[in-house]
Amino acid sequence: MQNKPDRLKKPPKPDTATRPISPSADSLSVFFPCYNEPDNIRRVYESAAKVLGHTGVDYEVILVDDGSPDQAPHIIDAIADADPRVTVVHHPTNLGYGAAIQSGIRAATKTLVFFTDGDGQFDLNELPPLLPLMKEYDIVSCFRLNRRDGLLRQFNARCWTSLVCLLFRMKFKDINCAFKFYRRRIFDDMELRSNGALINAEFVADGDFARQAIKPFAVSFQCRG
């Protein structure tokens, strides 16, 4: 079953005349899938804007609301109204994590794509060190150093990562870690169908994925705010 069309709110792009960017420089789309995150999404956005503003890179922020029934959609719209670099995608109903990832990818317009969850469990100050790596690699796939999940969840995650790596002859340490960098072109011909947590495995299952240069990178993991 196909997803219902998203409602896309895209404010006018800022005037970049005062922000000279080299024609050969990469640009960056950062997106955050979120569901029921009224207490976190503004903090996450503000952290992203601060970190990205210091990089000097041409960037956009995409906030993907997966049909939240709370105040999160209104908060997201207010953020976009105040910042022309922000694009908002609203799902009319809760379609699932994978659907939110797909919407973020479709909305991305820059040469690089980075995504992490909108709940604030990752430190966005760890994003800038990944940018130089994207000059050498097509994908930076991070893994969590200090997971604070329960032991059973950690065990299940290790088993799932091992199974995916075995099936597709790939090497990952943490397949579902939501702190990833991609070259946008990787998704140009990729047909994604998963609306749930299988979305990361679906990336790996694509035939072209194995031909990309992939760099693992360790990041910290925080408790929910």
C-alpha atoms as a PDB file:
ATOM      1  CA  MET A   1       0.000   0.000   0.000  1.00  0.00           C
ATOM      2  CA  GLN A   2       1.432   3.357  -0.999  1.00  0.00           C
ATOM      3  CA  ASN A   3       1.795   6.205   1.456  1.00  0.00           C
ATOM      4  CA  LYS A   4      -0.655   9.068   1.338  1.00  0.00           C
ATOM      5  CA  PRO A   5       0.802  12.289  -0.088  1.00  0.00           C
ATOM      6  CA  ASP A   6       2.710  14.388   2.409  1.00  0.00           C
ATOM      7  CA  ARG A   7       1.881  17.999   3.088  1.00  0.00           C
ATOM      8  CA  LEU A   8       5.068  19.885   2.352  1.00  0.00           C
ATOM      9  CA  LYS A   9       5.678  23.309   3.803  1.00  0.00           C
ATOM     10  CA  LYS A  10       8.666  24.926   2.157  1.00  0.00           C
ATOM     11  CA  PRO A  11       9.402  28.583   2.969  1.00  0.00           C
ATOM     12  CA  PRO A  12      11.339  30.720   0.450  1.00  0.00           C
ATOM     13  CA  LYS A  13      15.028  29.981   0.317  1.00  0.00           C
ATOM     14  CA  PRO A  14      17.361  32.547   1.894  1.00  0.00           C
ATOM     15  CA  ASP A  15      19.432  34.949  -0.177  1.00  0.00           C
ATOM     16  CA  THR A  16      22.834  33.291  -0.360  1.00  0.00           C
ATOM     17  CA  ALA A  17      24.613  36.303  -1.855  1.00  0.00           C
ATOM     18  CA  THR A  18      26.118  37.130   1.524  1.00  0.00           C
ATOM     19  CA  ARG A  19      27.202  33.522   2.093  1.00  0.00           C
ATOM     20  CA  PRO A  20      29.740  32.734  -0.644  1.00  0.00           C
ATOM     21  CA  ILE A  21      29.921  29.015  -1.288  1.00  0.00           C
ATOM     22  CA  SER A  22      32.483  27.382  -3.543  1.00  0.00           C
ATOM     23  CA  PRO A  23      30.770  25.828  -6.602  1.00  0.00           C
ATOM     24  CA  SER A  24      32.618  22.589  -5.885  1.00  0.00           C
ATOM     25  CA  ALA A  25      31.663  22.521  -2.211  1.00  0.00           C
ATOM     26  CA  ASP A  26      29.183  19.975  -0.939  1.00  0.00           C
ATOM     27  CA  SER A  27      25.895  21.195   0.457  1.00  0.00           C
ATOM     28  CA  LEU A  28      23.975  19.483   3.220  1.00  0.00           C
ATOM     29  CA  SER A  29      20.395  18.423   3.927  1.00  0.00           C
ATOM     30  CA  VAL A  30      19.799  17.535   7.575  1.00  0.00           C
ATOM     31  CA  PHE A  31      16.498  15.944   8.440  1.00  0.00           C
ATOM     32  CA  PHE A  32      14.809  14.793  11.623  1.00  0.00           C
ATOM     33  CA  PRO A  33      11.965  12.261  11.598  1.00  0.00           C
ATOM     34  CA  CYS A  34       9.793  12.834  14.652  1.00  0.00           C
ATOM     35  CA  TYR A  35       6.589  11.599  16.244  1.00  0.00           C
ATOM     36  CA  ASN A  36       5.142  13.070  19.430  1.00  0.00           C
ATOM     37  CA  GLU A  37       8.227  15.118  20.299  1.00  0.00           C
ATOM     38  CA  PRO A  38       6.797  18.483  21.481  1.00  0.00           C
ATOM     39  CA  ASP A  39       9.325  18.678  24.327  1.00  0.00           C
ATOM     40  CA  ASN A  40      12.357  17.852  22.203  1.00  0.00           C
ATOM     41  CA  ILE A  41      12.012  19.035  18.619  1.00  0.00           C
ATOM     42  CA  ARG A  42      12.694  22.739  19.225  1.00  0.00           C
ATOM     43  CA  ARG A  43      15.769  21.913  21.312  1.00  0.00           C
ATOM     44  CA  VAL A  44      17.004  19.544  18.606  1.00  0.00           C
ATOM     45  CA  TYR A  45      16.416  22.138  15.878  1.00  0.00           C
ATOM     46  CA  GLU A  46      18.194  24.886  17.860  1.00  0.00           C
ATOM     47  CA  SER A  47      21.168  22.601  18.432  1.00  0.00           C
ATOM     48  CA  ALA A  48      21.289  21.756  14.718  1.00  0.00           C
ATOM     49  CA  ALA A  49      21.058  25.402  13.641  1.00  0.00           C
ATOM     50  CA  LYS A  50      23.881  26.364  15.994  1.00  0.00           C
ATOM     51  CA  VAL A  51      26.160  23.505  14.942  1.00  0.00           C
ATOM     52  CA  LEU A  52      25.469  23.892  11.217  1.00  0.00           C
ATOM     53  CA  GLY A  53      25.889  27.663  11.372  1.00  0.00           C
ATOM     54  CA  HIS A  54      29.463  27.195  12.563  1.00  0.00           C
ATOM     55  CA  THR A  55      30.394  24.803   9.739  1.00  0.00           C
ATOM     56  CA  GLY A  56      30.051  27.371   6.952  1.00  0.00           C
ATOM     57  CA  VAL A  57      28.375  24.778   4.726  1.00  0.00           C
ATOM     58  CA  ASP A  58      25.295  25.537   2.618  1.00  0.00           C
ATOM     59  CA  TYR A  59      22.561  23.649   4.470  1.00  0.00           C
ATOM     60  CA  GLU A  60      18.864  23.073   4.911  1.00  0.00           C
ATOM     61  CA  VAL A  61      16.964  21.501   7.810  1.00  0.00           C
ATOM     62  CA  ILE A  62      13.974  19.254   7.141  1.00  0.00           C
ATOM     63  CA  LEU A  63      11.559  18.423   9.952  1.00  0.00           C
ATOM     64  CA  VAL A  64       9.395  15.395   9.193  1.00  0.00           C
ATOM     65  CA  ASP A  65       6.325  15.097  11.409  1.00  0.00           C
ATOM     66  CA  ASP A  66       4.945  11.565  11.206  1.00  0.00           C
ATOM     67  CA  GLY A  67       1.330  12.460  11.983  1.00  0.00           C
ATOM     68  CA  SER A  68       1.843  13.552  15.599  1.00  0.00           C
ATOM     69  CA  PRO A  69      -1.504  14.134  17.358  1.00  0.00           C
ATOM     70  CA  ASP A  70       0.014  16.520  19.924  1.00  0.00           C
ATOM     71  CA  GLN A  71       1.417  20.059  19.641  1.00  0.00           C
ATOM     72  CA  ALA A  72       4.549  19.008  17.759  1.00  0.00           C
ATOM     73  CA  PRO A  73       3.182  19.934  14.274  1.00  0.00           C
ATOM     74  CA  HIS A  74       2.406  23.472  15.440  1.00  0.00           C
ATOM     75  CA  ILE A  75       5.850  23.832  17.001  1.00  0.00           C
ATOM     76  CA  ILE A  76       7.476  22.601  13.791  1.00  0.00           C
ATOM     77  CA  ASP A  77       5.475  25.039  11.677  1.00  0.00           C
ATOM     78  CA  ALA A  78       6.489  27.896  13.980  1.00  0.00           C
ATOM     79  CA  ILE A  79      10.147  26.928  13.579  1.00  0.00           C
ATOM     80  CA  ALA A  80       9.806  26.953   9.779  1.00  0.00           C
ATOM     81  CA  ASP A  81       8.041  30.313   9.842  1.00  0.00           C
ATOM     82  CA  ALA A  82      11.002  31.800  11.696  1.00  0.00           C
ATOM     83  CA  ASP A  83      13.818  30.177   9.700  1.00  0.00           C
ATOM     84  CA  PRO A  84      13.806  30.132   5.872  1.00  0.00           C
ATOM     85  CA  ARG A  85      16.330  27.278   5.871  1.00  0.00           C
ATOM     86  CA  VAL A  86      13.734  24.960   7.386  1.00  0.00           C
ATOM     87  CA  THR A  87      11.402  22.762   5.344  1.00  0.00           C
ATOM     88  CA  VAL A  88       8.530  20.891   6.988  1.00  0.00           C
ATOM     89  CA  VAL A  89       6.898  17.656   5.853  1.00  0.00           C
ATOM     90  CA  HIS A  90       3.654  16.621   7.576  1.00  0.00           C
ATOM     91  CA  HIS A  91       2.218  13.130   7.270  1.00  0.00           C
ATOM     92  CA  PRO A  92      -1.585  13.250   7.563  1.00  0.00           C
ATOM     93  CA  THR A  93      -1.461  10.168   9.823  1.00  0.00           C
ATOM     94  CA  ASN A  94       1.217   8.130  11.567  1.00  0.00           C
ATOM     95  CA  LEU A  95       2.778   6.197   8.664  1.00  0.00           C
ATOM     96  CA  GLY A  96       5.822   4.799  10.473  1.00  0.00           C
ATOM     97  CA  TYR A  97       9.526   5.470  10.965  1.00  0.00           C
ATOM     98  CA  GLY A  98      10.532   4.194   7.551  1.00  0.00           C
ATOM     99  CA  ALA A  99       7.934   6.385   5.857  1.00  0.00           C
ATOM    100  CA  ALA A 100       9.325   9.411   7.703  1.00  0.00           C
ATOM    101  CA  ILE A 101      12.847   8.537   6.525  1.00  0.00           C
ATOM    102  CA  GLN A 102      11.583   8.244   2.946  1.00  0.00           C
ATOM    103  CA  SER A 103       9.896  11.640   3.178  1.00  0.00           C
ATOM    104  CA  GLY A 104      13.078  13.238   4.470  1.00  0.00           C
ATOM    105  CA  ILE A 105      15.097  11.783   1.613  1.00  0.00           C
ATOM    106  CA  ARG A 106      12.545  12.930  -0.972  1.00  0.00           C
ATOM    107  CA  ALA A 107      12.531  16.460   0.443  1.00  0.00           C
ATOM    108  CA  ALA A 108      16.342  16.736   0.502  1.00  0.00           C
ATOM    109  CA  THR A 109      17.794  19.027  -2.183  1.00  0.00           C
ATOM    110  CA  LYS A 110      21.487  19.162  -1.263  1.00  0.00           C
ATOM    111  CA  THR A 111      24.388  16.922  -2.303  1.00  0.00           C
ATOM    112  CA  LEU A 112      24.802  15.325   1.147  1.00  0.00           C
ATOM    113  CA  VAL A 113      22.079  13.940   3.404  1.00  0.00           C
ATOM    114  CA  PHE A 114      22.374  13.499   7.161  1.00  0.00           C
ATOM    115  CA  PHE A 115      19.621  12.262   9.431  1.00  0.00           C
ATOM    116  CA  THR A 116      19.090  11.531  13.066  1.00  0.00           C
ATOM    117  CA  ASP A 117      15.985  11.174  15.209  1.00  0.00           C
ATOM    118  CA  GLY A 118      14.105  14.154  16.579  1.00  0.00           C
ATOM    119  CA  ASP A 119      14.184  12.960  20.195  1.00  0.00           C
ATOM    120  CA  GLY A 120      17.596  14.397  21.069  1.00  0.00           C
ATOM    121  CA  GLN A 121      19.376  11.153  21.943  1.00  0.00           C
ATOM    122  CA  PHE A 122      22.430  12.068  19.874  1.00  0.00           C
ATOM    123  CA  ASP A 123      24.805  15.000  20.317  1.00  0.00           C
ATOM    124  CA  LEU A 124      24.760  17.073  17.139  1.00  0.00           C
ATOM    125  CA  ASN A 125      28.160  18.515  18.038  1.00  0.00           C
ATOM    126  CA  GLU A 126      29.458  15.195  16.723  1.00  0.00           C
ATOM    127  CA  LEU A 127      28.189  16.013  13.224  1.00  0.00           C
ATOM    128  CA  PRO A 128      30.974  18.404  12.008  1.00  0.00           C
ATOM    129  CA  PRO A 129      33.798  15.816  12.295  1.00  0.00           C
ATOM    130  CA  LEU A 130      31.888  13.663   9.816  1.00  0.00           C
ATOM    131  CA  LEU A 131      31.891  16.301   7.076  1.00  0.00           C
ATOM    132  CA  PRO A 132      35.583  15.859   6.058  1.00  0.00           C
ATOM    133  CA  LEU A 133      35.000  12.108   5.831  1.00  0.00           C
ATOM    134  CA  MET A 134      32.410  12.686   3.108  1.00  0.00           C
ATOM    135  CA  LYS A 135      35.179  13.875   0.812  1.00  0.00           C
ATOM    136  CA  GLU A 136      36.548  10.319   0.838  1.00  0.00           C
ATOM    137  CA  TYR A 137      33.462   8.185   1.466  1.00  0.00           C
ATOM    138  CA  ASP A 138      29.923   7.885   0.131  1.00  0.00           C
ATOM    139  CA  ILE A 139      28.434   6.838   3.473  1.00  0.00           C
ATOM    140  CA  VAL A 140      29.381   7.388   7.105  1.00  0.00           C
ATOM    141  CA  SER A 141      27.475   4.822   9.168  1.00  0.00           C
ATOM    142  CA  CYS A 142      27.837   5.539  12.873  1.00  0.00           C
ATOM    143  CA  PHE A 143      27.595   3.162  15.789  1.00  0.00           C
ATOM    144  CA  ARG A 144      26.697   3.883  19.406  1.00  0.00           C
ATOM    145  CA  LEU A 145      29.544   3.676  21.902  1.00  0.00           C
ATOM    146  CA  ASN A 146      27.572   3.818  25.134  1.00  0.00           C
ATOM    147  CA  ARG A 147      24.142   2.393  24.479  1.00  0.00           C
ATOM    148  CA  ARG A 148      21.785   2.881  27.405  1.00  0.00           C
ATOM    149  CA  ASP A 149      19.093   0.495  26.252  1.00  0.00           C
ATOM    150  CA  GLY A 150      18.210  -2.576  28.297  1.00  0.00           C
ATOM    151  CA  LEU A 151      20.378  -5.661  27.901  1.00  0.00           C
ATOM    152  CA  LEU A 152      17.713  -7.524  25.955  1.00  0.00           C
ATOM    153  CA  ARG A 153      17.337  -4.679  23.482  1.00  0.00           C
ATOM    154  CA  GLN A 154      21.097  -4.466  23.030  1.00  0.00           C
ATOM    155  CA  PHE A 155      21.275  -8.218  22.457  1.00  0.00           C
ATOM    156  CA  ASN A 156      18.468  -8.089  19.889  1.00  0.00           C
ATOM    157  CA  ALA A 157      20.162  -5.189  18.108  1.00  0.00           C
ATOM    158  CA  ARG A 158      23.464  -7.061  17.866  1.00  0.00           C
ATOM    159  CA  CYS A 159      21.700 -10.140  16.524  1.00  0.00           C
ATOM    160  CA  TRP A 160      19.806  -8.095  13.939  1.00  0.00           C
ATOM    161  CA  THR A 161      22.942  -6.293  12.777  1.00  0.00           C
ATOM    162  CA  SER A 162      24.791  -9.599  12.499  1.00  0.00           C
ATOM    163  CA  LEU A 163      21.966 -11.156  10.488  1.00  0.00           C
ATOM    164  CA  VAL A 164      21.797  -8.235   8.033  1.00  0.00           C
ATOM    165  CA  CYS A 165      25.572  -8.303   7.584  1.00  0.00           C
ATOM    166  CA  LEU A 166      25.504 -12.064   6.994  1.00  0.00           C
ATOM    167  CA  LEU A 167      22.678 -11.914   4.461  1.00  0.00           C
ATOM    168  CA  PHE A 168      24.115  -9.061   2.412  1.00  0.00           C
ATOM    169  CA  ARG A 169      27.831  -9.645   3.021  1.00  0.00           C
ATOM    170  CA  MET A 170      28.353  -6.238   4.537  1.00  0.00           C
ATOM    171  CA  LYS A 171      30.148  -5.054   7.657  1.00  0.00           C
ATOM    172  CA  PHE A 172      28.234  -2.827  10.065  1.00  0.00           C
ATOM    173  CA  LYS A 173      28.522  -2.447  13.814  1.00  0.00           C
ATOM    174  CA  ASP A 174      25.090  -0.932  14.436  1.00  0.00           C
ATOM    175  CA  ILE A 175      22.718  -1.125  11.466  1.00  0.00           C
ATOM    176  CA  ASN A 176      19.912   0.840  13.144  1.00  0.00           C
ATOM    177  CA  CYS A 177      22.009   3.640  14.608  1.00  0.00           C
ATOM    178  CA  ALA A 178      20.148   6.825  13.649  1.00  0.00           C
ATOM    179  CA  PHE A 179      23.202   8.979  12.956  1.00  0.00           C
ATOM    180  CA  LYS A 180      24.093   8.601   9.295  1.00  0.00           C
ATOM    181  CA  PHE A 181      25.588  10.533   6.380  1.00  0.00           C
ATOM    182  CA  TYR A 182      24.908   9.717   2.725  1.00  0.00           C
ATOM    183  CA  ARG A 183      25.611  11.175  -0.663  1.00  0.00           C
ATOM    184  CA  ARG A 184      22.205  12.183  -1.999  1.00  0.00           C
ATOM    185  CA  ARG A 185      22.772  10.482  -5.353  1.00  0.00           C
ATOM    186  CA  ILE A 186      22.725   7.060  -3.668  1.00  0.00           C
ATOM    187  CA  PHE A 187      18.948   7.351  -3.325  1.00  0.00           C
ATOM    188  CA  ASP A 188      18.233   8.593  -6.853  1.00  0.00           C
ATOM    189  CA  ASP A 189      17.286   5.167  -8.233  1.00  0.00           C
ATOM    190  CA  MET A 190      16.548   3.391  -4.965  1.00  0.00           C
ATOM    191  CA  GLU A 191      12.968   2.167  -4.590  1.00  0.00           C
ATOM    192  CA  LEU A 192      12.141   2.165  -0.892  1.00  0.00           C
ATOM    193  CA  ARG A 193       9.057   0.367   0.411  1.00  0.00           C
ATOM    194  CA  SER A 194       9.553  -0.136   4.136  1.00  0.00           C
ATOM    195  CA  ASN A 195       7.421   2.066   6.374  1.00  0.00           C
ATOM    196  CA  GLY A 196       8.905   0.682   9.594  1.00  0.00           C
ATOM    197  CA  ALA A 197      12.204  -0.095  11.284  1.00  0.00           C
ATOM    198  CA  LEU A 198      13.335  -2.297   8.371  1.00  0.00           C
ATOM    199  CA  ILE A 199      14.215   0.833   6.387  1.00  0.00           C
ATOM    200  CA  ASN A 200      17.927   0.643   7.290  1.00  0.00           C
ATOM    201  CA  ALA A 201      18.121  -2.990   6.202  1.00  0.00           C
ATOM    202  CA  GLU A 202      16.377  -2.017   2.965  1.00  0.00           C
ATOM    203  CA  PHE A 203      19.162   0.463   2.240  1.00  0.00           C
ATOM    204  CA  VAL A 204      21.695  -2.338   2.559  1.00  0.00           C
ATOM    205  CA  ALA A 205      19.624  -4.707   0.428  1.00  0.00           C
ATOM    206  CA  ASP A 206      19.871  -2.368  -2.553  1.00  0.00           C
ATOM    207  CA  GLY A 207      22.369  -3.709  -5.065  1.00  0.00           C
ATOM    208  CA  ASP A 208      24.258  -0.431  -5.469  1.00  0.00           C
ATOM    209  CA  PHE A 209      24.720   0.041  -1.723  1.00  0.00           C
ATOM    210  CA  ALA A 210      27.503  -2.536  -1.497  1.00  0.00           C
ATOM    211  CA  ARG A 211      29.484  -0.640  -4.129  1.00  0.00           C
ATOM    212  CA  GLN A 212      29.640   2.521  -2.029  1.00  0.00           C
ATOM    213  CA  ALA A 213      32.647   3.503   0.093  1.00  0.00           C
ATOM    214  CA  ILE A 214      31.437   3.188   3.690  1.00  0.00           C
ATOM    215  CA  LYS A 215      33.131   4.519   6.827  1.00  0.00           C
ATOM    216  CA  PRO A 216      32.106   3.390  10.347  1.00  0.00           C
ATOM    217  CA  PHE A 217      32.342   6.057  13.044  1.00  0.00           C
ATOM    218  CA  ALA A 218      31.674   5.976  16.791  1.00  0.00           C
ATOM    219  CA  VAL A 219      29.241   8.448  18.384  1.00  0.00           C
ATOM    220  CA  SER A 220      27.875   8.903  21.871  1.00  0.00           C
ATOM    221  CA  PHE A 221      24.313   8.150  22.858  1.00  0.00           C
ATOM    222  CA  GLN A 222      22.256  10.126  25.376  1.00  0.00           C
ATOM    223  CA  CYS A 223      19.157   9.589  27.456  1.00  0.00           C
ATOM    224  CA  ARG A 224      16.000  11.096  26.106  1.00  0.00           C
ATOM    225  CA  GLY A 225      15.495  14.732  27.033  1.00  0.00           C
END
